[in-house]
């Protein structure tokens, strides 16, 4: 009966604190308090308090055996050796010290070769499609600027193909070292 009284009292106190939190408009905190307040009564009603007592008794028995029984110490040493061996093999595996690990791996390739930050615009196949897409984007932007009534580069001349803006971008990239 004492367990029931304590469980109900703890749940009631927790619900009261949750009510005060809700009254102060701290609903998240109130919900947390309410959730924790339900635990003691829930444990009592499900019959888990006797289980917890049994677990506590067994842990106490184990602790007394730990101090006085050499078999328990032998088991602890074996568990420690096992954990140490697992940790050592994991550490050795990461370092590549496993048998055949260092011979089978290829050597590092070294630093990456220096490449120009901006690809040349003529003579390379990689530079072919990208400038065309960029030119189309620039032309579309110029068309929008011209339609909006803003002075843009769309009204220059027939010889302008929009590449002067790419020169500006290349200059900015060169200045930044990209």
N, C-alpha and C. Protein backbone atom coordinates (compact mmCIF):
# COMPACT_ATOMS: atom_id res chain seq x y z
N UNK A 1 0.81 -1.19 0.00
CA UNK A 1 0.00 0.00 0.00
C UNK A 1 0.85 1.26 0.00
N UNK A 2 2.00 1.18 0.63
CA UNK A 2 2.86 2.35 0.68
C UNK A 2 3.33 2.73 -0.71
N UNK A 3 3.61 1.75 -1.55
CA UNK A 3 4.05 2.01 -2.92
C UNK A 3 2.98 2.74 -3.70
N UNK A 4 1.73 2.33 -3.51
CA UNK A 4 0.62 2.99 -4.21
C UNK A 4 0.49 4.43 -3.77
N UNK A 5 0.59 4.69 -2.47
CA UNK A 5 0.45 6.05 -1.95
C UNK A 5 1.57 6.95 -2.46
N UNK A 6 2.78 6.44 -2.46
CA UNK A 6 3.91 7.25 -2.94
C UNK A 6 3.77 7.51 -4.44
N UNK A 7 3.35 6.53 -5.20
CA UNK A 7 3.18 6.71 -6.65
C UNK A 7 2.12 7.75 -6.96
N UNK A 8 0.99 7.68 -6.26
CA UNK A 8 -0.09 8.65 -6.49
C UNK A 8 0.37 10.05 -6.07
N UNK A 9 1.08 10.15 -4.94
CA UNK A 9 1.55 11.46 -4.47
C UNK A 9 2.54 12.08 -5.47
N UNK A 10 3.45 11.27 -5.97
CA UNK A 10 4.42 11.80 -6.95
C UNK A 10 3.73 12.23 -8.24
N UNK A 11 2.77 11.47 -8.69
CA UNK A 11 2.04 11.83 -9.90
C UNK A 11 1.23 13.10 -9.67
N UNK A 12 0.58 13.23 -8.52
CA UNK A 12 -0.21 14.43 -8.23
C UNK A 12 0.70 15.67 -8.16
N UNK A 13 1.85 15.54 -7.53
CA UNK A 13 2.77 16.68 -7.44
C UNK A 13 3.26 17.08 -8.83
N UNK A 14 3.58 16.12 -9.65
CA UNK A 14 4.04 16.42 -11.01
C UNK A 14 2.96 17.08 -11.85
N UNK A 15 1.71 16.63 -11.69
CA UNK A 15 0.61 17.24 -12.43
C UNK A 15 0.38 18.66 -11.94
N UNK A 16 0.54 18.90 -10.65
CA UNK A 16 0.38 20.26 -10.11
C UNK A 16 1.45 21.19 -10.69
N UNK A 17 2.69 20.74 -10.75
CA UNK A 17 3.76 21.56 -11.34
C UNK A 17 3.47 21.80 -12.81
N UNK A 18 3.00 20.79 -13.51
CA UNK A 18 2.66 20.95 -14.93
C UNK A 18 1.54 21.98 -15.09
N UNK A 19 0.55 21.96 -14.18
CA UNK A 19 -0.53 22.94 -14.22
C UNK A 19 -0.01 24.36 -14.01
N UNK A 20 0.91 24.54 -13.07
CA UNK A 20 1.50 25.87 -12.86
C UNK A 20 2.27 26.34 -14.08
N UNK A 21 2.99 25.45 -14.71
CA UNK A 21 3.74 25.81 -15.93
C UNK A 21 2.78 26.20 -17.05
N UNK A 22 1.69 25.47 -17.17
CA UNK A 22 0.72 25.79 -18.21
C UNK A 22 0.04 27.13 -17.90
N UNK A 23 -0.22 27.42 -16.63
CA UNK A 23 -0.81 28.69 -16.24
C UNK A 23 0.10 29.86 -16.62
N UNK A 24 1.40 29.64 -16.54
CA UNK A 24 2.37 30.69 -16.92
C UNK A 24 2.67 30.69 -18.42
N UNK A 25 1.89 29.93 -19.17
CA UNK A 25 1.99 29.84 -20.64
C UNK A 25 3.33 29.28 -21.11
N UNK A 26 3.85 28.36 -20.36
CA UNK A 26 5.04 27.61 -20.76
C UNK A 26 4.59 26.19 -21.07
N UNK A 27 3.95 26.07 -22.22
CA UNK A 27 3.27 24.82 -22.55
C UNK A 27 4.23 23.67 -22.84
N UNK A 28 5.38 23.95 -23.42
CA UNK A 28 6.35 22.89 -23.69
C UNK A 28 6.87 22.30 -22.37
N UNK A 29 7.21 23.18 -21.45
CA UNK A 29 7.68 22.72 -20.14
C UNK A 29 6.56 22.00 -19.39
N UNK A 30 5.34 22.49 -19.51
CA UNK A 30 4.20 21.85 -18.84
C UNK A 30 3.98 20.45 -19.37
N UNK A 31 4.12 20.28 -20.67
CA UNK A 31 3.94 18.96 -21.26
C UNK A 31 5.01 18.00 -20.78
N UNK A 32 6.24 18.49 -20.68
CA UNK A 32 7.33 17.63 -20.17
C UNK A 32 7.06 17.21 -18.72
N UNK A 33 6.67 18.16 -17.88
CA UNK A 33 6.37 17.83 -16.48
C UNK A 33 5.24 16.82 -16.38
N UNK A 34 4.22 17.01 -17.20
CA UNK A 34 3.08 16.09 -17.17
C UNK A 34 3.51 14.68 -17.58
N UNK A 35 4.36 14.60 -18.61
CA UNK A 35 4.83 13.29 -19.08
C UNK A 35 5.64 12.58 -17.99
N UNK A 36 6.50 13.32 -17.31
CA UNK A 36 7.32 12.71 -16.25
C UNK A 36 6.45 12.37 -15.05
N UNK A 37 5.42 13.17 -14.79
CA UNK A 37 4.55 12.93 -13.64
C UNK A 37 3.76 11.64 -13.79
N UNK A 38 3.49 11.23 -15.00
CA UNK A 38 2.71 10.01 -15.21
C UNK A 38 3.52 8.73 -14.98
N UNK A 39 4.85 8.83 -14.95
CA UNK A 39 5.71 7.64 -14.85
C UNK A 39 5.50 6.86 -13.55
N UNK A 40 5.53 7.49 -12.36
CA UNK A 40 5.39 6.67 -11.13
C UNK A 40 4.09 5.89 -11.07
N UNK A 41 2.98 6.53 -11.39
CA UNK A 41 1.70 5.83 -11.33
C UNK A 41 1.63 4.74 -12.40
N UNK A 42 2.21 5.01 -13.57
CA UNK A 42 2.25 4.00 -14.63
C UNK A 42 3.06 2.79 -14.22
N UNK A 43 4.20 3.02 -13.56
CA UNK A 43 5.02 1.90 -13.09
C UNK A 43 4.28 1.07 -12.04
N UNK A 44 3.57 1.76 -11.16
CA UNK A 44 2.83 1.03 -10.12
C UNK A 44 1.70 0.20 -10.73
N UNK A 45 0.93 0.81 -11.63
CA UNK A 45 -0.22 0.12 -12.19
C UNK A 45 0.18 -1.06 -13.08
N UNK A 46 1.35 -0.99 -13.71
CA UNK A 46 1.80 -2.12 -14.54
C UNK A 46 2.50 -3.19 -13.73
N UNK A 47 2.79 -2.91 -12.47
CA UNK A 47 3.45 -3.91 -11.63
C UNK A 47 4.96 -3.96 -11.82
N UNK A 48 5.55 -2.91 -12.29
CA UNK A 48 6.99 -2.91 -12.52
C UNK A 48 7.80 -2.53 -11.29
N UNK A 49 7.18 -2.03 -10.24
CA UNK A 49 7.94 -1.73 -9.03
C UNK A 49 8.52 -2.98 -8.39
N UNK A 50 7.78 -4.10 -8.32
CA UNK A 50 8.40 -5.33 -7.80
C UNK A 50 9.55 -5.81 -8.68
N UNK A 51 9.42 -5.62 -9.99
CA UNK A 51 10.51 -5.99 -10.89
C UNK A 51 11.74 -5.14 -10.59
N UNK A 52 11.53 -3.83 -10.40
CA UNK A 52 12.65 -2.94 -10.09
C UNK A 52 13.30 -3.34 -8.76
N UNK A 53 12.48 -3.76 -7.80
CA UNK A 53 13.04 -4.21 -6.52
C UNK A 53 13.88 -5.46 -6.71
N UNK A 54 13.38 -6.40 -7.54
CA UNK A 54 14.12 -7.63 -7.81
C UNK A 54 15.45 -7.30 -8.50
N UNK A 55 15.40 -6.39 -9.46
CA UNK A 55 16.64 -6.00 -10.16
C UNK A 55 17.60 -5.36 -9.17
N UNK A 56 17.10 -4.51 -8.28
CA UNK A 56 17.96 -3.89 -7.27
C UNK A 56 18.60 -4.91 -6.35
N UNK A 57 17.82 -5.91 -5.93
CA UNK A 57 18.36 -6.97 -5.07
C UNK A 57 19.45 -7.75 -5.79
N UNK A 58 19.21 -8.08 -7.06
CA UNK A 58 20.20 -8.83 -7.83
C UNK A 58 21.48 -8.02 -8.04
N UNK A 59 21.34 -6.73 -8.29
CA UNK A 59 22.54 -5.89 -8.43
C UNK A 59 23.32 -5.82 -7.11
N UNK A 60 22.61 -5.76 -6.00
CA UNK A 60 23.29 -5.74 -4.71
C UNK A 60 24.02 -7.06 -4.46
N UNK A 61 23.38 -8.18 -4.80
CA UNK A 61 24.05 -9.49 -4.64
C UNK A 61 25.29 -9.56 -5.53
N UNK A 62 25.19 -9.06 -6.76
CA UNK A 62 26.34 -9.08 -7.67
C UNK A 62 27.47 -8.22 -7.11
N UNK A 63 27.13 -7.07 -6.54
CA UNK A 63 28.16 -6.18 -6.00
C UNK A 63 28.89 -6.83 -4.82
N UNK A 64 28.16 -7.55 -3.98
CA UNK A 64 28.84 -8.21 -2.86
C UNK A 64 29.71 -9.35 -3.36
N UNK A 65 29.27 -10.05 -4.41
CA UNK A 65 30.11 -11.11 -4.98
C UNK A 65 31.34 -10.52 -5.65
N UNK A 66 31.18 -9.33 -6.21
CA UNK A 66 32.29 -8.66 -6.88
C UNK A 66 33.45 -8.44 -5.92
N UNK A 67 33.11 -8.09 -4.71
CA UNK A 67 34.15 -7.80 -3.73
C UNK A 67 34.79 -9.08 -3.22
N UNK A 68 34.02 -10.14 -3.01
CA UNK A 68 34.54 -11.31 -2.31
C UNK A 68 34.81 -12.53 -3.17
N UNK A 69 34.30 -12.61 -4.39
CA UNK A 69 34.41 -13.82 -5.20
C UNK A 69 35.48 -13.68 -6.28
N UNK A 70 36.53 -14.53 -6.26
CA UNK A 70 37.58 -14.43 -7.28
C UNK A 70 37.09 -14.79 -8.69
N UNK A 71 36.04 -15.60 -8.78
CA UNK A 71 35.51 -15.92 -10.11
C UNK A 71 34.99 -14.67 -10.81
N UNK A 72 34.36 -13.79 -10.07
CA UNK A 72 33.84 -12.55 -10.67
C UNK A 72 35.00 -11.70 -11.18
N UNK A 73 36.09 -11.62 -10.41
CA UNK A 73 37.25 -10.84 -10.85
C UNK A 73 37.87 -11.45 -12.10
N UNK A 74 37.89 -12.77 -12.19
CA UNK A 74 38.41 -13.43 -13.39
C UNK A 74 37.54 -13.08 -14.60
N UNK A 75 36.24 -13.07 -14.41
CA UNK A 75 35.34 -12.69 -15.50
C UNK A 75 35.54 -11.24 -15.93
N UNK A 76 35.77 -10.35 -14.97
CA UNK A 76 36.02 -8.94 -15.30
C UNK A 76 37.32 -8.80 -16.07
N UNK A 77 38.34 -9.52 -15.67
CA UNK A 77 39.62 -9.47 -16.39
C UNK A 77 39.44 -9.97 -17.82
N UNK A 78 38.71 -11.08 -17.99
CA UNK A 78 38.48 -11.61 -19.34
C UNK A 78 37.71 -10.61 -20.21
N UNK A 79 36.71 -9.96 -19.65
CA UNK A 79 35.98 -8.95 -20.40
C UNK A 79 36.88 -7.76 -20.78
N UNK A 80 37.75 -7.39 -19.86
CA UNK A 80 38.69 -6.29 -20.14
C UNK A 80 39.66 -6.66 -21.25
N UNK A 81 40.19 -7.90 -21.22
CA UNK A 81 41.11 -8.35 -22.27
C UNK A 81 40.38 -8.39 -23.61
N UNK A 82 39.16 -8.85 -23.62
CA UNK A 82 38.38 -8.90 -24.85
C UNK A 82 38.17 -7.49 -25.42
N UNK A 83 37.78 -6.55 -24.58
CA UNK A 83 37.57 -5.18 -25.04
C UNK A 83 38.89 -4.57 -25.53
N UNK A 84 39.98 -4.86 -24.84
CA UNK A 84 41.28 -4.34 -25.27
C UNK A 84 41.71 -4.90 -26.62
N UNK A 85 41.49 -6.19 -26.83
CA UNK A 85 41.84 -6.79 -28.12
C UNK A 85 40.99 -6.22 -29.26
N UNK A 86 39.70 -6.03 -29.01
CA UNK A 86 38.85 -5.44 -30.04
C UNK A 86 39.29 -4.02 -30.38
N UNK A 87 39.62 -3.23 -29.36
CA UNK A 87 40.07 -1.86 -29.60
C UNK A 87 41.42 -1.85 -30.33
N UNK A 88 42.31 -2.75 -29.98
CA UNK A 88 43.63 -2.79 -30.64
C UNK A 88 43.51 -3.19 -32.10
N UNK A 89 42.65 -4.17 -32.39
CA UNK A 89 42.50 -4.55 -33.80
C UNK A 89 41.84 -3.44 -34.61
N UNK A 90 40.93 -2.71 -34.01
CA UNK A 90 40.31 -1.59 -34.71
C UNK A 90 41.34 -0.49 -34.98
N UNK A 91 42.16 -0.21 -33.99
CA UNK A 91 43.20 0.82 -34.14
C UNK A 91 44.22 0.39 -35.19
N UNK A 92 44.62 -0.88 -35.15
CA UNK A 92 45.60 -1.37 -36.11
C UNK A 92 45.02 -1.39 -37.53
N UNK A 93 43.74 -1.70 -37.65
CA UNK A 93 43.10 -1.69 -38.96
C UNK A 93 43.04 -0.29 -39.55
N UNK A 94 42.86 0.71 -38.74
CA UNK A 94 42.84 2.09 -39.23
C UNK A 94 44.21 2.56 -39.65
N UNK A 95 45.23 2.08 -38.99
CA UNK A 95 46.60 2.51 -39.32
C UNK A 95 47.17 1.74 -40.49
N UNK A 96 46.50 0.69 -40.91
CA UNK A 96 46.98 -0.10 -42.04
C UNK A 96 48.06 -1.09 -41.66
N UNK A 97 48.14 -1.44 -40.37
CA UNK A 97 49.18 -2.36 -39.92
C UNK A 97 48.72 -3.80 -39.98
N UNK A 98 47.57 -4.07 -40.56
CA UNK A 98 47.09 -5.44 -40.70
C UNK A 98 47.96 -6.14 -41.74
N UNK A 99 48.15 -7.44 -41.61
CA UNK A 99 49.05 -8.18 -42.49
C UNK A 99 48.71 -7.92 -43.96
N UNK A 100 49.71 -7.52 -44.73
CA UNK A 100 49.54 -7.29 -46.16
C UNK A 100 48.90 -5.96 -46.47
N UNK A 101 48.60 -5.17 -45.47
CA UNK A 101 47.91 -3.91 -45.71
C UNK A 101 48.80 -2.87 -46.38
N UNK A 102 50.07 -2.78 -45.97
CA UNK A 102 50.92 -1.73 -46.51
C UNK A 102 51.44 -2.07 -47.90
N UNK A 103 51.62 -3.36 -48.22
CA UNK A 103 52.14 -3.72 -49.54
C UNK A 103 51.06 -3.65 -50.61
N UNK A 104 49.81 -3.94 -50.24
CA UNK A 104 48.77 -4.01 -51.25
C UNK A 104 48.22 -2.65 -51.63
N UNK A 105 48.45 -1.64 -50.83
CA UNK A 105 47.93 -0.32 -51.15
C UNK A 105 48.87 0.41 -52.08
N UNK A 106 48.35 1.11 -53.09
CA UNK A 106 49.21 1.88 -53.98
C UNK A 106 49.72 3.13 -53.28
N UNK A 107 50.82 3.63 -53.78
CA UNK A 107 51.40 4.83 -53.21
C UNK A 107 50.52 6.03 -53.54
N UNK A 108 50.66 7.06 -52.75
CA UNK A 108 49.87 8.26 -52.98
C UNK A 108 50.27 8.90 -54.30
N UNK A 109 49.32 9.53 -54.94
CA UNK A 109 49.57 10.11 -56.26
C UNK A 109 50.35 11.41 -56.18
N UNK A 110 50.42 12.01 -55.04
CA UNK A 110 51.12 13.28 -54.91
C UNK A 110 50.17 14.44 -55.10
N UNK A 111 50.73 15.66 -55.15
CA UNK A 111 49.86 16.82 -55.28
C UNK A 111 49.23 16.88 -56.67
N UNK A 112 48.10 17.52 -56.74
CA UNK A 112 47.41 17.66 -58.02
C UNK A 112 48.19 18.60 -58.92
N UNK A 113 48.22 18.34 -60.23
CA UNK A 113 48.94 19.23 -61.13
C UNK A 113 48.26 20.58 -61.20
N UNK A 114 49.08 21.60 -61.43
CA UNK A 114 48.55 22.95 -61.51
C UNK A 114 47.77 23.11 -62.81
N UNK A 115 46.56 23.64 -62.71
CA UNK A 115 45.73 23.87 -63.88
C UNK A 115 45.30 25.33 -63.88
N UNK A 116 45.07 25.89 -65.05
CA UNK A 116 44.62 27.28 -65.06
C UNK A 116 43.22 27.39 -64.45
N UNK A 117 42.96 28.52 -63.84
CA UNK A 117 41.69 28.70 -63.17
C UNK A 117 40.54 28.80 -64.16
N UNK A 118 40.78 29.38 -65.31
CA UNK A 118 39.74 29.53 -66.32
C UNK A 118 40.18 28.75 -67.55
N UNK A 119 39.31 27.91 -68.06
CA UNK A 119 39.65 27.12 -69.24
C UNK A 119 39.77 28.03 -70.45
N UNK A 120 40.70 27.73 -71.34
CA UNK A 120 40.81 28.54 -72.55
C UNK A 120 39.52 28.46 -73.36
N UNK A 121 39.20 29.57 -74.04
CA UNK A 121 37.92 29.62 -74.74
C UNK A 121 37.99 29.04 -76.14
N UNK A 122 39.19 28.83 -76.68
CA UNK A 122 39.29 28.28 -78.03
C UNK A 122 40.24 27.11 -78.03
N UNK A 123 39.99 26.18 -78.92
CA UNK A 123 40.93 25.10 -79.15
C UNK A 123 40.75 23.88 -78.27
N UNK A 124 39.90 23.92 -77.25
CA UNK A 124 39.73 22.74 -76.40
C UNK A 124 38.29 22.29 -76.48
N UNK A 125 38.08 20.98 -76.49
CA UNK A 125 36.71 20.50 -76.57
C UNK A 125 35.92 20.80 -75.30
N UNK A 126 36.58 20.92 -74.14
CA UNK A 126 35.87 21.15 -72.89
C UNK A 126 35.25 22.54 -72.87
N UNK A 127 35.84 23.47 -73.61
CA UNK A 127 35.34 24.83 -73.57
C UNK A 127 34.22 25.06 -74.58
N UNK A 128 33.89 24.08 -75.39
CA UNK A 128 32.91 24.26 -76.45
C UNK A 128 31.49 24.54 -75.96
N UNK A 129 30.83 23.61 -75.28
CA UNK A 129 29.43 23.80 -74.97
C UNK A 129 29.16 24.84 -73.89
N UNK A 130 30.05 24.99 -72.91
CA UNK A 130 29.78 25.88 -71.79
C UNK A 130 29.65 27.33 -72.22
N UNK A 131 30.55 27.90 -73.05
CA UNK A 131 30.38 29.29 -73.42
C UNK A 131 29.10 29.52 -74.21
N UNK A 132 28.68 28.54 -74.98
CA UNK A 132 27.44 28.73 -75.75
C UNK A 132 26.26 28.88 -74.80
N UNK A 133 26.21 28.06 -73.78
CA UNK A 133 25.12 28.18 -72.81
C UNK A 133 25.21 29.51 -72.08
N UNK A 134 26.41 29.92 -71.74
CA UNK A 134 26.58 31.19 -71.04
C UNK A 134 26.21 32.35 -71.95
N UNK A 135 26.60 32.27 -73.24
CA UNK A 135 26.23 33.32 -74.19
C UNK A 135 24.72 33.44 -74.29
N UNK A 136 24.04 32.30 -74.35
CA UNK A 136 22.59 32.34 -74.44
C UNK A 136 22.00 32.99 -73.20
N UNK A 137 22.56 32.72 -72.03
CA UNK A 137 22.06 33.34 -70.81
C UNK A 137 22.28 34.84 -70.83
N UNK A 138 23.46 35.28 -71.33
CA UNK A 138 23.75 36.70 -71.41
C UNK A 138 22.79 37.37 -72.39
N UNK A 139 22.57 36.76 -73.53
CA UNK A 139 21.65 37.33 -74.52
C UNK A 139 20.23 37.43 -73.96
N UNK A 140 19.83 36.40 -73.24
CA UNK A 140 18.49 36.44 -72.65
C UNK A 140 18.40 37.57 -71.63
N UNK A 141 19.45 37.77 -70.84
CA UNK A 141 19.47 38.85 -69.86
C UNK A 141 19.43 40.20 -70.56
N UNK A 142 20.18 40.33 -71.66
CA UNK A 142 20.19 41.59 -72.40
C UNK A 142 18.82 41.85 -73.00
N UNK A 143 18.17 40.80 -73.47
CA UNK A 143 16.84 40.96 -74.03
C UNK A 143 15.85 41.44 -72.98
N UNK A 144 15.98 40.90 -71.75
CA UNK A 144 15.10 41.33 -70.67
C UNK A 144 15.37 42.77 -70.30
N UNK A 145 16.65 43.15 -70.28
CA UNK A 145 17.00 44.53 -69.94
C UNK A 145 16.48 45.47 -71.01
N UNK A 146 16.54 45.06 -72.27
CA UNK A 146 16.05 45.91 -73.36
C UNK A 146 14.55 46.06 -73.31
N UNK A 147 13.84 45.00 -72.95
CA UNK A 147 12.39 45.06 -72.88
C UNK A 147 11.91 45.89 -71.70
N UNK A 148 12.68 45.92 -70.64
CA UNK A 148 12.27 46.66 -69.46
C UNK A 148 12.52 48.15 -69.62
N UNK A 149 13.13 48.56 -70.70
CA UNK A 149 13.38 49.97 -70.94
C UNK A 149 14.65 50.45 -70.30
N UNK A 150 15.44 49.55 -69.74
CA UNK A 150 16.70 49.94 -69.13
C UNK A 150 17.77 49.97 -70.20
N UNK A 151 18.68 50.91 -70.12
CA UNK A 151 19.77 50.91 -71.09
C UNK A 151 20.68 49.74 -70.80
N UNK A 152 20.85 48.89 -71.78
CA UNK A 152 21.69 47.71 -71.60
C UNK A 152 22.65 47.60 -72.75
N UNK A 153 23.29 46.48 -72.85
CA UNK A 153 24.26 46.26 -73.91
C UNK A 153 23.60 45.70 -75.14
N UNK A 154 22.28 45.54 -75.13
CA UNK A 154 21.60 44.97 -76.27
C UNK A 154 21.57 45.94 -77.44
N UNK A 155 21.69 47.23 -77.19
CA UNK A 155 21.60 48.21 -78.26
C UNK A 155 22.93 48.59 -78.83
N UNK A 156 24.01 47.85 -78.55
CA UNK A 156 25.34 48.23 -79.04
C UNK A 156 25.41 48.08 -80.54
N UNK A 157 26.04 47.13 -81.05
CA UNK A 157 26.17 46.99 -82.48
C UNK A 157 26.01 45.56 -82.90
N UNK A 158 26.12 45.34 -84.19
CA UNK A 158 25.96 43.97 -84.69
C UNK A 158 27.16 43.11 -84.32
N UNK A 159 28.33 43.70 -84.18
CA UNK A 159 29.55 42.93 -83.92
C UNK A 159 29.65 42.45 -82.49
N UNK A 160 28.80 42.93 -81.59
CA UNK A 160 28.86 42.52 -80.19
C UNK A 160 28.19 41.16 -80.02
N UNK A 161 28.98 40.20 -79.53
CA UNK A 161 28.41 38.86 -79.33
C UNK A 161 28.26 38.53 -77.85
N UNK A 162 28.43 39.50 -76.97
CA UNK A 162 28.22 39.27 -75.55
C UNK A 162 29.43 38.72 -74.82
N UNK A 163 30.57 38.60 -75.47
CA UNK A 163 31.74 38.02 -74.82
C UNK A 163 32.50 39.02 -73.97
N UNK A 164 32.19 40.29 -74.05
CA UNK A 164 32.90 41.26 -73.22
C UNK A 164 32.57 41.05 -71.74
N UNK A 165 31.38 40.55 -71.44
CA UNK A 165 31.05 40.26 -70.05
C UNK A 165 31.86 39.06 -69.54
N UNK A 166 32.16 38.11 -70.42
CA UNK A 166 33.02 36.99 -70.01
C UNK A 166 34.42 37.48 -69.71
N UNK A 167 34.87 38.49 -70.42
CA UNK A 167 36.19 39.06 -70.14
C UNK A 167 36.20 39.67 -68.75
N UNK A 168 35.10 40.33 -68.37
CA UNK A 168 35.01 40.88 -67.02
C UNK A 168 35.07 39.77 -65.97
N UNK A 169 34.35 38.71 -66.24
CA UNK A 169 34.34 37.59 -65.29
C UNK A 169 35.72 36.95 -65.19
N UNK A 170 36.38 36.77 -66.33
CA UNK A 170 37.73 36.21 -66.32
C UNK A 170 38.68 37.10 -65.54
N UNK A 171 38.55 38.40 -65.69
CA UNK A 171 39.42 39.34 -64.97
C UNK A 171 39.19 39.22 -63.47
N UNK A 172 37.95 39.12 -63.05
CA UNK A 172 37.65 38.97 -61.61
C UNK A 172 38.24 37.68 -61.09
N UNK A 173 38.09 36.59 -61.85
CA UNK A 173 38.64 35.31 -61.42
C UNK A 173 40.16 35.35 -61.34
N UNK A 174 40.81 36.03 -62.30
CA UNK A 174 42.27 36.14 -62.28
C UNK A 174 42.73 36.91 -61.05
N UNK A 175 42.03 37.99 -60.73
CA UNK A 175 42.42 38.81 -59.58
C UNK A 175 42.31 38.01 -58.28
N UNK A 176 41.36 37.12 -58.20
CA UNK A 176 41.16 36.32 -56.99
C UNK A 176 41.99 35.05 -57.00
N UNK A 177 42.65 34.79 -58.09
CA UNK A 177 43.53 33.62 -58.15
C UNK A 177 42.78 32.32 -58.38
N UNK A 178 41.64 32.41 -59.00
CA UNK A 178 40.85 31.19 -59.22
C UNK A 178 41.02 30.69 -60.62
